[in-house]
Full PDB file with SEQRES, HELIX, SHEET, SSBOND, CRYST1, ORIGX, SCALE, CONECT and MASTER records, all heavy atoms in Angstrom:
SEQRES   1 A   41  GLY VAL GLY LEU ALA LEU VAL ARG SER LEU VAL GLN LEU          
SEQRES   2 A   41  HIS GLY GLY HIS VAL GLU ALA ARG SER ALA GLY ASP GLY          
SEQRES   3 A   41  GLN GLY SER GLU PHE VAL VAL ARG LEU PRO ALA LEU ASP          
SEQRES   4 A   41  ASP GLN                                                      
HELIX    1 AA1 GLY A    3  LEU A   13  1                                  11    
SHEET    1 AA1 2 HIS A  17  ARG A  21  0                                        
SHEET    2 AA1 2 GLU A  30  ARG A  34 -1                                        
CRYST1    1.000    1.000    1.000  90.00  90.00  90.00 P 1           1          
ORIGX1      1.000000  0.000000  0.000000        0.00000                         
ORIGX2      0.000000  1.000000  0.000000        0.00000                         
ORIGX3      0.000000  0.000000  1.000000        0.00000                         
SCALE1      1.000000  0.000000  0.000000        0.00000                         
SCALE2      0.000000  1.000000  0.000000        0.00000                         
SCALE3      0.000000  0.000000  1.000000        0.00000                         
ATOM      1  N   GLY A   1      41.197 -27.585 -60.964  1.00  0.00           N  
ATOM      2  CA  GLY A   1      40.970 -26.215 -60.826  1.00  0.00           C  
ATOM      3  C   GLY A   1      39.784 -25.692 -61.502  1.00  0.00           C  
ATOM      4  O   GLY A   1      39.648 -24.621 -62.096  1.00  0.00           O  
ATOM      5  N   VAL A   2      38.649 -26.603 -61.486  1.00  0.00           N  
ATOM      6  CA  VAL A   2      37.464 -26.111 -62.169  1.00  0.00           C  
ATOM      7  C   VAL A   2      36.230 -25.984 -61.193  1.00  0.00           C  
ATOM      8  O   VAL A   2      35.222 -25.547 -61.592  1.00  0.00           O  
ATOM      9  CB  VAL A   2      37.018 -27.259 -63.244  1.00  0.00           C  
ATOM     10  CG1 VAL A   2      38.069 -27.287 -64.339  1.00  0.00           C  
ATOM     11  CG2 VAL A   2      36.743 -28.545 -62.595  1.00  0.00           C  
ATOM     12  N   GLY A   3      36.568 -26.340 -59.918  1.00  0.00           N  
ATOM     13  CA  GLY A   3      35.405 -26.315 -58.902  1.00  0.00           C  
ATOM     14  C   GLY A   3      34.775 -24.944 -58.727  1.00  0.00           C  
ATOM     15  O   GLY A   3      33.496 -24.651 -58.678  1.00  0.00           O  
ATOM     16  N   LEU A   4      35.615 -23.890 -58.634  1.00  0.00           N  
ATOM     17  CA  LEU A   4      35.095 -22.612 -58.415  1.00  0.00           C  
ATOM     18  C   LEU A   4      34.539 -22.008 -59.618  1.00  0.00           C  
ATOM     19  O   LEU A   4      33.562 -21.103 -59.579  1.00  0.00           O  
ATOM     20  CB  LEU A   4      36.243 -21.666 -57.846  1.00  0.00           C  
ATOM     21  CG  LEU A   4      36.721 -21.899 -56.443  1.00  0.00           C  
ATOM     22  CD1 LEU A   4      37.817 -21.070 -55.933  1.00  0.00           C  
ATOM     23  CD2 LEU A   4      35.548 -21.832 -55.430  1.00  0.00           C  
ATOM     24  N   ALA A   5      35.154 -22.355 -60.774  1.00  0.00           N  
ATOM     25  CA  ALA A   5      34.540 -21.782 -62.115  1.00  0.00           C  
ATOM     26  C   ALA A   5      33.201 -22.384 -62.252  1.00  0.00           C  
ATOM     27  O   ALA A   5      32.238 -21.749 -62.723  1.00  0.00           O  
ATOM     28  CB  ALA A   5      35.390 -22.434 -63.307  1.00  0.00           C  
ATOM     29  N   LEU A   6      32.854 -23.669 -61.825  1.00  0.00           N  
ATOM     30  CA  LEU A   6      31.522 -24.275 -61.805  1.00  0.00           C  
ATOM     31  C   LEU A   6      30.720 -23.536 -60.808  1.00  0.00           C  
ATOM     32  O   LEU A   6      29.522 -23.318 -61.274  1.00  0.00           O  
ATOM     33  CB  LEU A   6      31.631 -25.735 -61.534  1.00  0.00           C  
ATOM     34  CG  LEU A   6      30.307 -26.501 -61.510  1.00  0.00           C  
ATOM     35  CD1 LEU A   6      29.593 -26.379 -62.935  1.00  0.00           C  
ATOM     36  CD2 LEU A   6      30.517 -28.008 -61.190  1.00  0.00           C  
ATOM     37  N   VAL A   7      31.095 -23.209 -59.684  1.00  0.00           N  
ATOM     38  CA  VAL A   7      30.353 -22.483 -58.745  1.00  0.00           C  
ATOM     39  C   VAL A   7      29.824 -21.172 -59.345  1.00  0.00           C  
ATOM     40  O   VAL A   7      28.601 -20.856 -59.314  1.00  0.00           O  
ATOM     41  CB  VAL A   7      31.151 -22.168 -57.460  1.00  0.00           C  
ATOM     42  CG1 VAL A   7      30.489 -21.217 -56.583  1.00  0.00           C  
ATOM     43  CG2 VAL A   7      31.284 -23.494 -56.695  1.00  0.00           C  
ATOM     44  N   ARG A   8      30.707 -20.384 -59.966  1.00  0.00           N  
ATOM     45  CA  ARG A   8      30.335 -19.198 -60.578  1.00  0.00           C  
ATOM     46  C   ARG A   8      29.251 -19.359 -61.626  1.00  0.00           C  
ATOM     47  O   ARG A   8      28.278 -18.623 -61.722  1.00  0.00           O  
ATOM     48  CB  ARG A   8      31.537 -18.455 -61.093  1.00  0.00           C  
ATOM     49  CG  ARG A   8      31.093 -17.021 -61.706  1.00  0.00           C  
ATOM     50  CD  ARG A   8      32.354 -16.335 -62.154  1.00  0.00           C  
ATOM     51  NE  ARG A   8      33.110 -16.913 -63.265  1.00  0.00           N  
ATOM     52  CZ  ARG A   8      34.323 -16.515 -63.773  1.00  0.00           C  
ATOM     53  NH1 ARG A   8      34.732 -15.285 -63.373  1.00  0.00           N  
ATOM     54  NH2 ARG A   8      34.860 -17.213 -64.632  1.00  0.00           N  
ATOM     55  N   SER A   9      29.499 -20.376 -62.451  1.00  0.00           N  
ATOM     56  CA  SER A   9      28.579 -20.576 -63.514  1.00  0.00           C  
ATOM     57  C   SER A   9      27.195 -20.990 -63.043  1.00  0.00           C  
ATOM     58  O   SER A   9      26.239 -20.497 -63.497  1.00  0.00           O  
ATOM     59  CB  SER A   9      29.110 -21.692 -64.536  1.00  0.00           C  
ATOM     60  OG  SER A   9      30.253 -21.325 -65.148  1.00  0.00           O  
ATOM     61  N   LEU A  10      27.119 -21.930 -62.059  1.00  0.00           N  
ATOM     62  CA  LEU A  10      25.866 -22.296 -61.626  1.00  0.00           C  
ATOM     63  C   LEU A  10      25.106 -21.167 -60.780  1.00  0.00           C  
ATOM     64  O   LEU A  10      23.867 -21.151 -60.922  1.00  0.00           O  
ATOM     65  CB  LEU A  10      26.016 -23.573 -60.655  1.00  0.00           C  
ATOM     66  CG  LEU A  10      26.417 -24.835 -61.303  1.00  0.00           C  
ATOM     67  CD1 LEU A  10      26.713 -25.973 -60.390  1.00  0.00           C  
ATOM     68  CD2 LEU A  10      25.342 -25.309 -62.430  1.00  0.00           C  
ATOM     69  N   VAL A  11      25.853 -20.441 -60.122  1.00  0.00           N  
ATOM     70  CA  VAL A  11      25.218 -19.274 -59.385  1.00  0.00           C  
ATOM     71  C   VAL A  11      24.620 -18.272 -60.397  1.00  0.00           C  
ATOM     72  O   VAL A  11      23.635 -17.674 -60.192  1.00  0.00           O  
ATOM     73  CB  VAL A  11      26.364 -18.610 -58.441  1.00  0.00           C  
ATOM     74  CG1 VAL A  11      25.772 -17.326 -57.911  1.00  0.00           C  
ATOM     75  CG2 VAL A  11      26.636 -19.611 -57.240  1.00  0.00           C  
ATOM     76  N   GLN A  12      25.449 -17.956 -61.449  1.00  0.00           N  
ATOM     77  CA  GLN A  12      24.979 -17.038 -62.305  1.00  0.00           C  
ATOM     78  C   GLN A  12      23.750 -17.518 -63.087  1.00  0.00           C  
ATOM     79  O   GLN A  12      22.759 -16.775 -63.446  1.00  0.00           O  
ATOM     80  CB  GLN A  12      26.005 -16.703 -63.394  1.00  0.00           C  
ATOM     81  CG  GLN A  12      27.099 -15.876 -62.804  1.00  0.00           C  
ATOM     82  CD  GLN A  12      28.279 -15.661 -63.789  1.00  0.00           C  
ATOM     83  OE1 GLN A  12      28.479 -16.272 -64.838  1.00  0.00           O  
ATOM     84  NE2 GLN A  12      29.082 -14.726 -63.498  1.00  0.00           N  
ATOM     85  N   LEU A  13      23.585 -18.884 -63.302  1.00  0.00           N  
ATOM     86  CA  LEU A  13      22.516 -19.437 -63.969  1.00  0.00           C  
ATOM     87  C   LEU A  13      21.167 -19.288 -63.134  1.00  0.00           C  
ATOM     88  O   LEU A  13      20.042 -19.358 -63.565  1.00  0.00           O  
ATOM     89  CB  LEU A  13      22.638 -20.888 -64.292  1.00  0.00           C  
ATOM     90  CG  LEU A  13      23.690 -21.177 -65.540  1.00  0.00           C  
ATOM     91  CD1 LEU A  13      23.859 -22.664 -65.698  1.00  0.00           C  
ATOM     92  CD2 LEU A  13      22.928 -20.753 -66.837  1.00  0.00           C  
ATOM     93  N   HIS A  14      21.447 -19.232 -61.795  1.00  0.00           N  
ATOM     94  CA  HIS A  14      20.427 -19.020 -60.794  1.00  0.00           C  
ATOM     95  C   HIS A  14      20.000 -17.538 -60.676  1.00  0.00           C  
ATOM     96  O   HIS A  14      19.237 -17.120 -59.742  1.00  0.00           O  
ATOM     97  CB  HIS A  14      20.684 -19.649 -59.438  1.00  0.00           C  
ATOM     98  CG  HIS A  14      20.502 -21.105 -59.456  1.00  0.00           C  
ATOM     99  ND1 HIS A  14      21.451 -22.068 -59.809  1.00  0.00           N  
ATOM    100  CD2 HIS A  14      19.510 -21.871 -59.036  1.00  0.00           C  
ATOM    101  CE1 HIS A  14      20.992 -23.288 -59.756  1.00  0.00           C  
ATOM    102  NE2 HIS A  14      19.771 -23.256 -59.233  1.00  0.00           N  
ATOM    103  N   GLY A  15      20.639 -16.712 -61.402  1.00  0.00           N  
ATOM    104  CA  GLY A  15      20.381 -15.245 -61.306  1.00  0.00           C  
ATOM    105  C   GLY A  15      21.097 -14.525 -60.107  1.00  0.00           C  
ATOM    106  O   GLY A  15      20.780 -13.400 -59.765  1.00  0.00           O  
ATOM    107  N   GLY A  16      22.087 -15.204 -59.603  1.00  0.00           N  
ATOM    108  CA  GLY A  16      22.877 -14.612 -58.442  1.00  0.00           C  
ATOM    109  C   GLY A  16      24.327 -14.347 -58.905  1.00  0.00           C  
ATOM    110  O   GLY A  16      24.634 -14.357 -59.942  1.00  0.00           O  
ATOM    111  N   HIS A  17      25.039 -14.066 -57.805  1.00  0.00           N  
ATOM    112  CA  HIS A  17      26.515 -13.812 -58.123  1.00  0.00           C  
ATOM    113  C   HIS A  17      27.298 -14.304 -56.868  1.00  0.00           C  
ATOM    114  O   HIS A  17      26.760 -14.480 -55.763  1.00  0.00           O  
ATOM    115  CB  HIS A  17      26.798 -12.318 -58.438  1.00  0.00           C  
ATOM    116  CG  HIS A  17      26.460 -11.384 -57.237  1.00  0.00           C  
ATOM    117  ND1 HIS A  17      25.283 -10.885 -57.094  1.00  0.00           N  
ATOM    118  CD2 HIS A  17      27.281 -10.836 -56.252  1.00  0.00           C  
ATOM    119  CE1 HIS A  17      25.346 -10.163 -56.040  1.00  0.00           C  
ATOM    120  NE2 HIS A  17      26.474  -9.996 -55.515  1.00  0.00           N  
ATOM    121  N   VAL A  18      28.591 -14.578 -57.089  1.00  0.00           N  
ATOM    122  CA  VAL A  18      29.408 -15.033 -56.029  1.00  0.00           C  
ATOM    123  C   VAL A  18      30.770 -14.182 -56.038  1.00  0.00           C  
ATOM    124  O   VAL A  18      31.215 -13.761 -57.005  1.00  0.00           O  
ATOM    125  CB  VAL A  18      29.713 -16.568 -56.289  1.00  0.00           C  
ATOM    126  CG1 VAL A  18      30.377 -16.847 -57.520  1.00  0.00           C  
ATOM    127  CG2 VAL A  18      30.649 -17.080 -55.104  1.00  0.00           C  
ATOM    128  N   GLU A  19      31.259 -13.914 -54.781  1.00  0.00           N  
ATOM    129  CA  GLU A  19      32.534 -13.292 -54.651  1.00  0.00           C  
ATOM    130  C   GLU A  19      33.455 -13.896 -53.698  1.00  0.00           C  
ATOM    131  O   GLU A  19      32.960 -14.706 -52.763  1.00  0.00           O  
ATOM    132  CB  GLU A  19      32.296 -11.808 -54.318  1.00  0.00           C  
ATOM    133  CG  GLU A  19      31.639 -11.625 -52.919  1.00  0.00           C  
ATOM    134  CD  GLU A  19      31.406 -10.202 -52.511  1.00  0.00           C  
ATOM    135  OE1 GLU A  19      32.451  -9.458 -52.597  1.00  0.00           O  
ATOM    136  OE2 GLU A  19      30.294  -9.856 -52.074  1.00  0.00           O  
ATOM    137  N   ALA A  20      34.649 -13.649 -53.823  1.00  0.00           N  
ATOM    138  CA  ALA A  20      35.641 -14.301 -52.898  1.00  0.00           C  
ATOM    139  C   ALA A  20      36.294 -13.169 -52.117  1.00  0.00           C  
ATOM    140  O   ALA A  20      36.634 -12.075 -52.680  1.00  0.00           O  
ATOM    141  CB  ALA A  20      36.774 -15.061 -53.637  1.00  0.00           C  
ATOM    142  N   ARG A  21      36.677 -13.461 -50.828  1.00  0.00           N  
ATOM    143  CA  ARG A  21      37.265 -12.379 -50.016  1.00  0.00           C  
ATOM    144  C   ARG A  21      38.413 -12.996 -49.195  1.00  0.00           C  
ATOM    145  O   ARG A  21      38.250 -14.114 -48.848  1.00  0.00           O  
ATOM    146  CB  ARG A  21      36.314 -11.785 -49.084  1.00  0.00           C  
ATOM    147  CG  ARG A  21      35.077 -11.128 -49.682  1.00  0.00           C  
ATOM    148  CD  ARG A  21      34.095 -10.647 -48.650  1.00  0.00           C  
ATOM    149  NE  ARG A  21      32.912 -10.058 -49.314  1.00  0.00           N  
ATOM    150  CZ  ARG A  21      31.786  -9.654 -48.628  1.00  0.00           C  
ATOM    151  NH1 ARG A  21      31.733  -9.997 -47.285  1.00  0.00           N  
ATOM    152  NH2 ARG A  21      30.830  -9.106 -49.156  1.00  0.00           N  
ATOM    153  N   SER A  22      39.489 -12.347 -49.014  1.00  0.00           N  
ATOM    154  CA  SER A  22      40.514 -12.788 -48.122  1.00  0.00           C  
ATOM    155  C   SER A  22      41.460 -11.613 -47.829  1.00  0.00           C  
ATOM    156  O   SER A  22      41.710 -10.717 -48.640  1.00  0.00           O  
ATOM    157  CB  SER A  22      41.388 -13.943 -48.873  1.00  0.00           C  
ATOM    158  OG  SER A  22      42.513 -14.391 -48.167  1.00  0.00           O  
ATOM    159  N   ALA A  23      41.996 -11.682 -46.591  1.00  0.00           N  
ATOM    160  CA  ALA A  23      42.985 -10.609 -46.198  1.00  0.00           C  
ATOM    161  C   ALA A  23      44.310 -10.925 -46.677  1.00  0.00           C  
ATOM    162  O   ALA A  23      45.215 -10.108 -46.408  1.00  0.00           O  
ATOM    163  CB  ALA A  23      42.876 -10.482 -44.696  1.00  0.00           C  
ATOM    164  N   GLY A  24      44.543 -12.016 -47.298  1.00  0.00           N  
ATOM    165  CA  GLY A  24      45.937 -12.399 -47.815  1.00  0.00           C  
ATOM    166  C   GLY A  24      46.348 -13.720 -47.452  1.00  0.00           C  
ATOM    167  O   GLY A  24      45.612 -14.474 -46.796  1.00  0.00           O  
ATOM    168  N   ASP A  25      47.563 -14.016 -47.850  1.00  0.00           N  
ATOM    169  CA  ASP A  25      48.089 -15.414 -47.512  1.00  0.00           C  
ATOM    170  C   ASP A  25      48.138 -15.682 -46.043  1.00  0.00           C  
ATOM    171  O   ASP A  25      48.486 -14.776 -45.272  1.00  0.00           O  
ATOM    172  CB  ASP A  25      49.583 -15.506 -48.022  1.00  0.00           C  
ATOM    173  CG  ASP A  25      49.712 -15.486 -49.562  1.00  0.00           C  
ATOM    174  OD1 ASP A  25      48.697 -15.946 -50.120  1.00  0.00           O  
ATOM    175  OD2 ASP A  25      50.619 -15.161 -50.151  1.00  0.00           O  
ATOM    176  N   GLY A  26      47.608 -16.739 -45.648  1.00  0.00           N  
ATOM    177  CA  GLY A  26      47.488 -17.208 -44.359  1.00  0.00           C  
ATOM    178  C   GLY A  26      46.417 -16.663 -43.513  1.00  0.00           C  
ATOM    179  O   GLY A  26      46.330 -16.883 -42.297  1.00  0.00           O  
ATOM    180  N   GLN A  27      45.566 -15.913 -44.146  1.00  0.00           N  
ATOM    181  CA  GLN A  27      44.474 -15.141 -43.349  1.00  0.00           C  
ATOM    182  C   GLN A  27      43.047 -15.654 -43.590  1.00  0.00           C  
ATOM    183  O   GLN A  27      42.066 -15.102 -43.189  1.00  0.00           O  
ATOM    184  CB  GLN A  27      44.578 -13.630 -43.819  1.00  0.00           C  
ATOM    185  CG  GLN A  27      45.809 -12.969 -43.693  1.00  0.00           C  
ATOM    186  CD  GLN A  27      46.158 -12.890 -42.150  1.00  0.00           C  
ATOM    187  OE1 GLN A  27      45.345 -12.507 -41.328  1.00  0.00           O  
ATOM    188  NE2 GLN A  27      47.442 -13.315 -41.734  1.00  0.00           N  
ATOM    189  N   GLY A  28      43.073 -16.928 -44.112  1.00  0.00           N  
ATOM    190  CA  GLY A  28      41.803 -17.526 -44.420  1.00  0.00           C  
ATOM    191  C   GLY A  28      40.978 -16.882 -45.602  1.00  0.00           C  
ATOM    192  O   GLY A  28      41.365 -15.834 -46.237  1.00  0.00           O  
ATOM    193  N   SER A  29      39.764 -17.490 -45.923  1.00  0.00           N  
ATOM    194  CA  SER A  29      39.041 -17.037 -47.046  1.00  0.00           C  
ATOM    195  C   SER A  29      37.607 -17.008 -46.738  1.00  0.00           C  
ATOM    196  O   SER A  29      37.195 -17.723 -45.778  1.00  0.00           O  
ATOM    197  CB  SER A  29      39.198 -17.994 -48.231  1.00  0.00           C  
ATOM    198  OG  SER A  29      40.617 -18.045 -48.617  1.00  0.00           O  
ATOM    199  N   GLU A  30      36.844 -16.267 -47.464  1.00  0.00           N  
ATOM    200  CA  GLU A  30      35.322 -16.211 -47.326  1.00  0.00           C  
ATOM    201  C   GLU A  30      34.792 -16.189 -48.798  1.00  0.00           C  
ATOM    202  O   GLU A  30      35.228 -15.325 -49.692  1.00  0.00           O  
ATOM    203  CB  GLU A  30      34.824 -15.009 -46.595  1.00  0.00           C  
ATOM    204  CG  GLU A  30      33.330 -14.937 -46.485  1.00  0.00           C  
ATOM    205  CD  GLU A  30      32.836 -13.743 -45.716  1.00  0.00           C  
ATOM    206  OE1 GLU A  30      33.404 -12.704 -46.026  1.00  0.00           O  
ATOM    207  OE2 GLU A  30      31.902 -13.860 -45.069  1.00  0.00           O  
ATOM    208  N   PHE A  31      33.802 -17.092 -49.096  1.00  0.00           N  
ATOM    209  CA  PHE A  31      33.148 -17.100 -50.389  1.00  0.00           C  
ATOM    210  C   PHE A  31      31.668 -16.711 -50.059  1.00  0.00           C  
ATOM    211  O   PHE A  31      31.084 -17.363 -49.177  1.00  0.00           O  
ATOM    212  CB  PHE A  31      33.258 -18.393 -51.114  1.00  0.00           C  
ATOM    213  CG  PHE A  31      34.715 -18.671 -51.603  1.00  0.00           C  
ATOM    214  CD1 PHE A  31      35.665 -19.123 -50.858  1.00  0.00           C  
ATOM    215  CD2 PHE A  31      34.971 -18.364 -52.955  1.00  0.00           C  
ATOM    216  CE1 PHE A  31      36.996 -19.346 -51.231  1.00  0.00           C  
ATOM    217  CE2 PHE A  31      36.209 -18.482 -53.404  1.00  0.00           C  
ATOM    218  CZ  PHE A  31      37.221 -19.034 -52.653  1.00  0.00           C  
ATOM    219  N   VAL A  32      31.162 -15.739 -50.768  1.00  0.00           N  
ATOM    220  CA  VAL A  32      29.817 -15.229 -50.562  1.00  0.00           C  
ATOM    221  C   VAL A  32      28.937 -15.496 -51.773  1.00  0.00           C  
ATOM    222  O   VAL A  32      29.339 -14.939 -52.829  1.00  0.00           O  
ATOM    223  CB  VAL A  32      29.791 -13.753 -50.199  1.00  0.00           C  
ATOM    224  CG1 VAL A  32      28.446 -13.261 -49.810  1.00  0.00           C  
ATOM    225  CG2 VAL A  32      30.803 -13.497 -48.946  1.00  0.00           C  
ATOM    226  N   VAL A  33      27.851 -16.241 -51.583  1.00  0.00           N  
ATOM    227  CA  VAL A  33      26.990 -16.520 -52.712  1.00  0.00           C  
ATOM    228  C   VAL A  33      25.602 -15.623 -52.345  1.00  0.00           C  
ATOM    229  O   VAL A  33      25.041 -15.763 -51.254  1.00  0.00           O  
ATOM    230  CB  VAL A  33      26.467 -17.942 -52.826  1.00  0.00           C  
ATOM    231  CG1 VAL A  33      25.589 -18.224 -53.856  1.00  0.00           C  
ATOM    232  CG2 VAL A  33      27.777 -18.805 -53.213  1.00  0.00           C  
ATOM    233  N   ARG A  34      25.267 -14.865 -53.364  1.00  0.00           N  
ATOM    234  CA  ARG A  34      23.934 -14.053 -53.258  1.00  0.00           C  
ATOM    235  C   ARG A  34      22.831 -14.540 -54.257  1.00  0.00           C  
ATOM    236  O   ARG A  34      23.197 -14.499 -55.413  1.00  0.00           O  
ATOM    237  CB  ARG A  34      24.282 -12.604 -53.371  1.00  0.00           C  
ATOM    238  CG  ARG A  34      25.266 -12.105 -52.260  1.00  0.00           C  
ATOM    239  CD  ARG A  34      25.453 -10.537 -52.356  1.00  0.00           C  
ATOM    240  NE  ARG A  34      26.400 -10.096 -51.316  1.00  0.00           N  
ATOM    241  CZ  ARG A  34      25.932  -9.783 -50.204  1.00  0.00           C  
ATOM    242  NH1 ARG A  34      24.671  -9.794 -49.866  1.00  0.00           N  
ATOM    243  NH2 ARG A  34      26.837  -9.291 -49.229  1.00  0.00           N  
ATOM    244  N   LEU A  35      21.785 -14.980 -53.741  1.00  0.00           N  
ATOM    245  CA  LEU A  35      20.812 -15.397 -54.705  1.00  0.00           C  
ATOM    246  C   LEU A  35      19.528 -14.570 -54.409  1.00  0.00           C  
ATOM    247  O   LEU A  35      19.237 -14.271 -53.247  1.00  0.00           O  
ATOM    248  CB  LEU A  35      20.440 -16.897 -54.438  1.00  0.00           C  
ATOM    249  CG  LEU A  35      21.622 -17.887 -54.630  1.00  0.00           C  
ATOM    250  CD1 LEU A  35      21.250 -19.303 -54.055  1.00  0.00           C  
ATOM    251  CD2 LEU A  35      21.923 -18.007 -56.189  1.00  0.00           C  
ATOM    252  N   PRO A  36      18.765 -14.356 -55.427  1.00  0.00           N  
ATOM    253  CA  PRO A  36      17.458 -13.616 -55.270  1.00  0.00           C  
ATOM    254  C   PRO A  36      16.526 -14.389 -54.370  1.00  0.00           C  
ATOM    255  O   PRO A  36      16.229 -15.593 -54.646  1.00  0.00           O  
ATOM    256  CB  PRO A  36      16.786 -13.497 -56.714  1.00  0.00           C  
ATOM    257  CG  PRO A  36      18.107 -13.708 -57.566  1.00  0.00           C  
ATOM    258  CD  PRO A  36      18.937 -14.623 -56.869  1.00  0.00           C  
ATOM    259  N   ALA A  37      16.036 -13.726 -53.359  1.00  0.00           N  
ATOM    260  CA  ALA A  37      15.093 -14.452 -52.509  1.00  0.00           C  
ATOM    261  C   ALA A  37      13.664 -14.580 -53.226  1.00  0.00           C  
ATOM    262  O   ALA A  37      13.310 -13.739 -54.034  1.00  0.00           O  
ATOM    263  CB  ALA A  37      14.869 -13.746 -51.192  1.00  0.00           C  
ATOM    264  N   LEU A  38      13.069 -15.676 -52.819  1.00  0.00           N  
ATOM    265  CA  LEU A  38      11.710 -15.856 -53.544  1.00  0.00           C  
ATOM    266  C   LEU A  38      10.651 -15.616 -52.576  1.00  0.00           C  
ATOM    267  O   LEU A  38      10.572 -16.266 -51.385  1.00  0.00           O  
ATOM    268  CB  LEU A  38      11.586 -17.320 -53.962  1.00  0.00           C  
ATOM    269  CG  LEU A  38      10.508 -17.739 -54.841  1.00  0.00           C  
ATOM    270  CD1 LEU A  38      10.435 -17.025 -56.198  1.00  0.00           C  
ATOM    271  CD2 LEU A  38      10.513 -19.229 -55.137  1.00  0.00           C  
ATOM    272  N   ASP A  39       9.804 -14.727 -52.841  1.00  0.00           N  
ATOM    273  CA  ASP A  39       8.618 -14.331 -52.095  1.00  0.00           C  
ATOM    274  C   ASP A  39       7.199 -14.624 -52.667  1.00  0.00           C  
ATOM    275  O   ASP A  39       7.191 -14.476 -53.928  1.00  0.00           O  
ATOM    276  CB  ASP A  39       8.724 -12.838 -51.716  1.00  0.00           C  
ATOM    277  CG  ASP A  39       9.891 -12.519 -50.800  1.00  0.00           C  
ATOM    278  OD1 ASP A  39      10.171 -13.248 -49.952  1.00  0.00           O  
ATOM    279  OD2 ASP A  39      10.486 -11.434 -51.119  1.00  0.00           O  
ATOM    280  N   ASP A  40       6.351 -15.165 -51.809  1.00  0.00           N  
ATOM    281  CA  ASP A  40       5.028 -15.373 -52.296  1.00  0.00           C  
ATOM    282  C   ASP A  40       4.858 -16.336 -53.475  1.00  0.00           C  
ATOM    283  O   ASP A  40       3.806 -16.322 -54.178  1.00  0.00           O  
ATOM    284  CB  ASP A  40       4.353 -13.995 -52.770  1.00  0.00           C  
ATOM    285  CG  ASP A  40       4.422 -12.900 -51.697  1.00  0.00           C  
ATOM    286  OD1 ASP A  40       4.214 -13.374 -50.536  1.00  0.00           O  
ATOM    287  OD2 ASP A  40       4.688 -11.790 -52.014  1.00  0.00           O  
ATOM    288  N   GLN A  41       5.726 -17.263 -53.528  1.00  0.00           N  
ATOM    289  CA  GLN A  41       5.734 -18.234 -54.593  1.00  0.00           C  
ATOM    290  C   GLN A  41       6.066 -19.615 -54.097  1.00  0.00           C  
ATOM    291  O   GLN A  41       6.845 -20.332 -54.652  1.00  0.00           O  
ATOM    292  CB  GLN A  41       6.548 -17.968 -55.829  1.00  0.00           C  
ATOM    293  CG  GLN A  41       6.146 -16.603 -56.503  1.00  0.00           C  
ATOM    294  CD  GLN A  41       7.013 -16.456 -57.734  1.00  0.00           C  
ATOM    295  OE1 GLN A  41       6.979 -17.197 -58.674  1.00  0.00           O  
ATOM    296  NE2 GLN A  41       7.651 -15.333 -57.754  1.00  0.00           N  
TER     297      GLN A  41                                                      
MASTER        0    0    0    1    2    0    0    6  296    1    0    4          
END                                                                             
């Protein structure tokens, strides 16, 4: 049960954030990772 904790830690170290979404039991899940886009570099 450490995989998602590691995901959050690594995403935060990259300056981003992650969230989990679900309509409930049996309704599937969605995990959304948002990272700052890099422009002109």
